[in-house]
Amino acid sequence: MQVHEELIQELDTKSYDELVAQHQAFERKLQELTGKTWLTPEEELEVKQIKKLKLLVKDRIARIGSPRSS
């Protein structure tokens, strides 16, 4: 999956709390998919895409840091 510039810009506009919520939503979706006995090829692709997006969000969270730790 190629990460689009629009997605990166969208992440740059989100607050820390919104990013954390997005990361948690990705985690829940991954748990849902990986809890299945088997995945269709489309679901396997979705898992890969979600993992990449989740990492992108995690990196953004790390860059801006927690407002509670300031």
Protein backbone atom coordinates (compact mmCIF):
# COMPACT_ATOMS: atom_id res chain seq x y z
CA MET A 1 0.00 0.00 0.00
CA GLN A 2 1.32 3.40 -0.91
CA VAL A 3 0.78 6.04 1.76
CA HIS A 4 -0.81 9.09 0.20
CA GLU A 5 0.25 12.63 1.01
CA GLU A 6 -3.38 13.42 1.92
CA LEU A 7 -3.35 10.82 4.70
CA ILE A 8 -0.14 12.23 6.16
CA GLN A 9 -1.59 15.74 6.05
CA GLU A 10 -4.76 14.48 7.73
CA LEU A 11 -2.74 12.95 10.55
CA ASP A 12 -0.85 16.21 10.97
CA THR A 13 -4.12 18.02 11.72
CA LYS A 14 -5.29 15.59 14.41
CA SER A 15 -4.79 16.16 18.10
CA TYR A 16 -2.94 13.77 20.36
CA ASP A 17 -6.22 12.35 21.73
CA GLU A 18 -7.63 11.87 18.22
CA LEU A 19 -4.48 10.02 17.17
CA VAL A 20 -4.63 7.76 20.22
CA ALA A 21 -8.29 7.01 19.48
CA GLN A 22 -7.42 6.21 15.85
CA HIS A 23 -4.59 3.92 16.96
CA GLN A 24 -6.96 2.09 19.31
CA ALA A 25 -9.56 1.72 16.55
CA PHE A 26 -6.92 0.17 14.28
CA GLU A 27 -5.92 -2.21 17.09
CA ARG A 28 -9.53 -3.30 17.63
CA LYS A 29 -9.97 -3.95 13.89
CA LEU A 30 -6.74 -5.96 13.79
CA GLN A 31 -7.88 -8.06 16.74
CA GLU A 32 -11.20 -8.67 15.02
CA LEU A 33 -9.53 -9.80 11.81
CA THR A 34 -6.74 -11.86 13.36
CA GLY A 35 -9.26 -13.59 15.62
CA LYS A 36 -10.78 -15.30 12.59
CA THR A 37 -9.87 -18.88 11.80
CA TRP A 38 -8.89 -17.91 8.26
CA LEU A 39 -8.77 -14.72 6.24
CA THR A 40 -9.77 -14.06 2.67
CA PRO A 41 -7.09 -12.52 0.44
CA GLU A 42 -8.89 -9.16 0.82
CA GLU A 43 -8.82 -9.47 4.60
CA GLU A 44 -5.11 -10.36 4.54
CA LEU A 45 -4.46 -7.23 2.51
CA GLU A 46 -6.60 -5.21 4.94
CA VAL A 47 -4.54 -6.52 7.88
CA LYS A 48 -1.32 -5.40 6.16
CA GLN A 49 -2.78 -1.98 5.39
CA ILE A 50 -4.08 -1.48 8.93
CA LYS A 51 -0.70 -2.44 10.38
CA LYS A 52 1.00 0.17 8.22
CA LEU A 53 -1.56 2.82 9.13
CA LYS A 54 -1.32 1.93 12.80
CA LEU A 55 2.46 2.35 12.66
CA LEU A 56 2.09 5.67 10.86
CA VAL A 57 -0.25 6.90 13.60
CA LYS A 58 2.09 5.59 16.31
CA ASP A 59 5.00 7.47 14.75
CA ARG A 60 2.93 10.66 14.63
CA ILE A 61 1.96 10.22 18.29
CA ALA A 62 5.63 9.82 19.21
CA ARG A 63 6.56 12.93 17.22
CA ILE A 64 4.08 15.22 18.91
CA GLY A 65 4.40 13.61 22.34
CA SER A 66 1.83 13.38 25.08
CA PRO A 67 0.45 16.70 26.26
CA ARG A 68 0.30 15.15 29.73
CA SER A 69 4.09 14.65 29.82
CA SER A 70 4.88 18.30 29.05
